[in-house]
Amino acid sequence: HQGPEVCGTDICSGLPLDPLPPNRGRDTSVPHAPIRTPNLTAEEERLALRNALRYFPPSHHETLAPEFAQELRQYGHIYMYRFCPTLRMRAYPIDQYPCRTRQAASLMLMIMNNLDPAVAQFPQELVTYGGNGQVFSNWAQFLLVMHYLSQMTEEQTLVMYSGHPMGLFPSLPSSPRAIITNGMVIPNYSSREQYEKMFALGVSMYGQMTAGSYCYIGPQGIVHGTMLTVLNAGRRYLGSGDLRGRVFVTSGLGGMSGAQAKAAVIAGCVGVIAEVDEAPLRKRHDQGWLMEVTSSMEHCIKRISLILTPTTELLYYDIQQFSCIDYFVSCREAKNSKTALSLGYHGNVVDLWERLALEYERTGELLVDLGSDQTSLHNPYNGGYYPVQLSFRQANQLMSTDSNRFCGMVQESLRRHIKAINKLSDAGMFFWDYGNAFLLEAKRAGADVDKFDIFLSLESNINLDLAVTDDIAAAVLEEIGASVSDRIRQQYNDNIRWIREAGKHKMVVGSQARILYSDQKGRVCIALAINKAIAEGRVSAPVVISRDHHDVSGTDSPFRETSNVYDGSAFCADMAVQNFVGDAFRGATWVSLHNGGGVGWGEVINGGFGLLLDGSAEAAKRANIMLNWDVSNGVARRCWSGNSNAYETIQRTMEEHRLLRVTMPFPVQDDQVLDRALQG
């Protein structure tokens, strides 16, 4: 491990100006974000350049202006590659950050983890996941933030405006150490076109759900939720949570979607995941998240067919793109033992769906039981979705040279995508939208999507440290689960199964962390138990807990998290904003509020938090009051909207917490009352 003096020299001293660091350009050894097409006017280009130069004294403008102008015109954004640190970007132990408070050090650790090349999708463009989920807008912002955090005391708060550090402002020790907002624009200007322009100008940023709040932990961050979704899809559509021998087809192996292969294996099924970009496919295979890979459609179909039709054949083939020979176990053994498998197909998922539909038409054999999609369709026209008519390279070129034609091809591809899925769905395959705006964008493209579900398994989640905290969490859930009602017993059993087995699957990418779903009582008790373990020395260092924004309270998203709110308030964002504010004054270490997320800019408002557990009584107090609010807020909103489960839950919670008082709804019991009143 490198010591704190290295961190202090390289990344905590502010902007390196005397002398300027050499301009090394882009690192060809890492993947890079697609070229953006903001379509700026000449005057807007001048403004973007002026905005970028204001980070630096005028004496450097003559040097920096030409290269920033080149970046803007060549890549569609000014990333300031010259200032990308040479220090290896990763999460260092918390005591190696030169800070005055451990709360600031925890933020620095999380930021560097989000930019670790093993974690980040496009590290040099500061994109963590989702194709455009930014941690910062440029490298000057990163360096200034790290400098501010190294100087911060517990009587200051760092204020972040869409990646830009506005500065350190006086506050209270009980205040958050950072307040983060991303993409907060006036509603009438929250369009994709306006976003591209604002991002190019350097005045706004798309933080996805956990990139801009520094809480992303790699694909593990969604693998628990994906596993639960696949299991619950089996229960709902196939009548069983036993998915051994079942085939699940989907797409995406990049950031969050990279969880699908591991989730399929943990759920016990055969997962076939298509990915058009070789880089993430190779990355997931090298990291052990993907068991097998092929670029041959024939091999892919044959592999699925052999799983469904027992044979003693041993299958070998050479995948030239990966310079390796993949050995396949006996398919009879895989079928008889119902061995779980993850197979990555290097190609376009539309081709795969169309071939599966053709196989059904030819043979009458349905090769797939479950289907979904996790392409980044919140960003369909800038690298989130690749049309089937073009190769990966051709698509990247066309989206930057003829964006209108590219958009038309994306929409045509989506219509073909849905048409193939419809054929298989009519034959008995069950497909759902994971909440990535797939069905939303397909419908906008003119496809027939009315028969499909938007289906998510959302409870809540917290990021943990590892072995000891895994045991602590499991013990807490087992104790609570022994006395829960039958209605939520399955949820507890699934979560206990997950945390007991998680360590076996080697899912850590970047910092040592764990994803775990839990309800309100579970998450509070787990946090308090971990804090106690830190105080007693059973856990040797502080632990940061956070949650993804797609939680019961954190997100107002009418096409995903609040799609089942039927009182007309699905498009209202009071809940997410209240959650952000409420977490802030109840003890969160940092809070964030974002426009956009998994379904895209202008489609959702979501918020999140980070909370440092250091073993102190103060940390326990904060965890107790903040985490209870963090759930009750959303349950109360859903209760008021007419959700019967939320009604029961908030009633029970009020009985357990005497200071909680929620306005309860009186449902209309006789709809004829409405009819008579309106007819009169």
Foldseek 3Di string as FASTA:
>chain_A
DDALVVCCVFFQPAQDVVPQADQPDDDPVADAFFAFALPDDPVLLVLLLVLVCVLDDPVCCVVVSVVQSVCCVVRVARAPLSSDTPPQQFQDPLNRHQAPDSLLSVLVNLLSHQLHSLQAQHNSCQHRDLSFQHQALYNSLSSVSSNQSNYDDLQWAFEEQQRHTPHIDGHHNLFANYEAEAPPDDLVQQDPSSVSSCSRSRRGGFNFFCSNVSHAFWLLQCLLQLLVQVQVCCCVQVVHLAAQLAEEEEEDCGTNSVSNQQSQQLSLHEYEYEYQDVVSVLSCVVLQSAQEEAQDLVVVVVLLVCLNPADQDWDWDDRPVNRDIHTDHHSNCCNVVSHYHYYYHHAAVLVNLQVQLVCCVVPVDRSHAEYEYQQQQLCQQRPSHAARVDHPVVLSVCSRVPSVVSVLRSLVRLQSSLVSVVSSVVSRHAYEYCLLCSLVSNVVSPHDDVVHYNDTDAAWKKKKADDVLLVLLLVLLVVVLVDDDPVCNVVSVSQSSCSVCVVVSSPGRGHRIHIGGDHLVSQLSSLLSVLQCLLVCVDPFKIKMKIGQLHLQFKLACSHSLVVQPQPCSVPDPRNVCLQVLLRSLRFNYKYWYQAHSNHGSRMIGMMTMQIRNNDPSSSSSSNVSSNCNRLSSLLVSQQSPDPVSVVVNVVVCVVPVVDDGDGDDDDPDCVVVVVVVVD
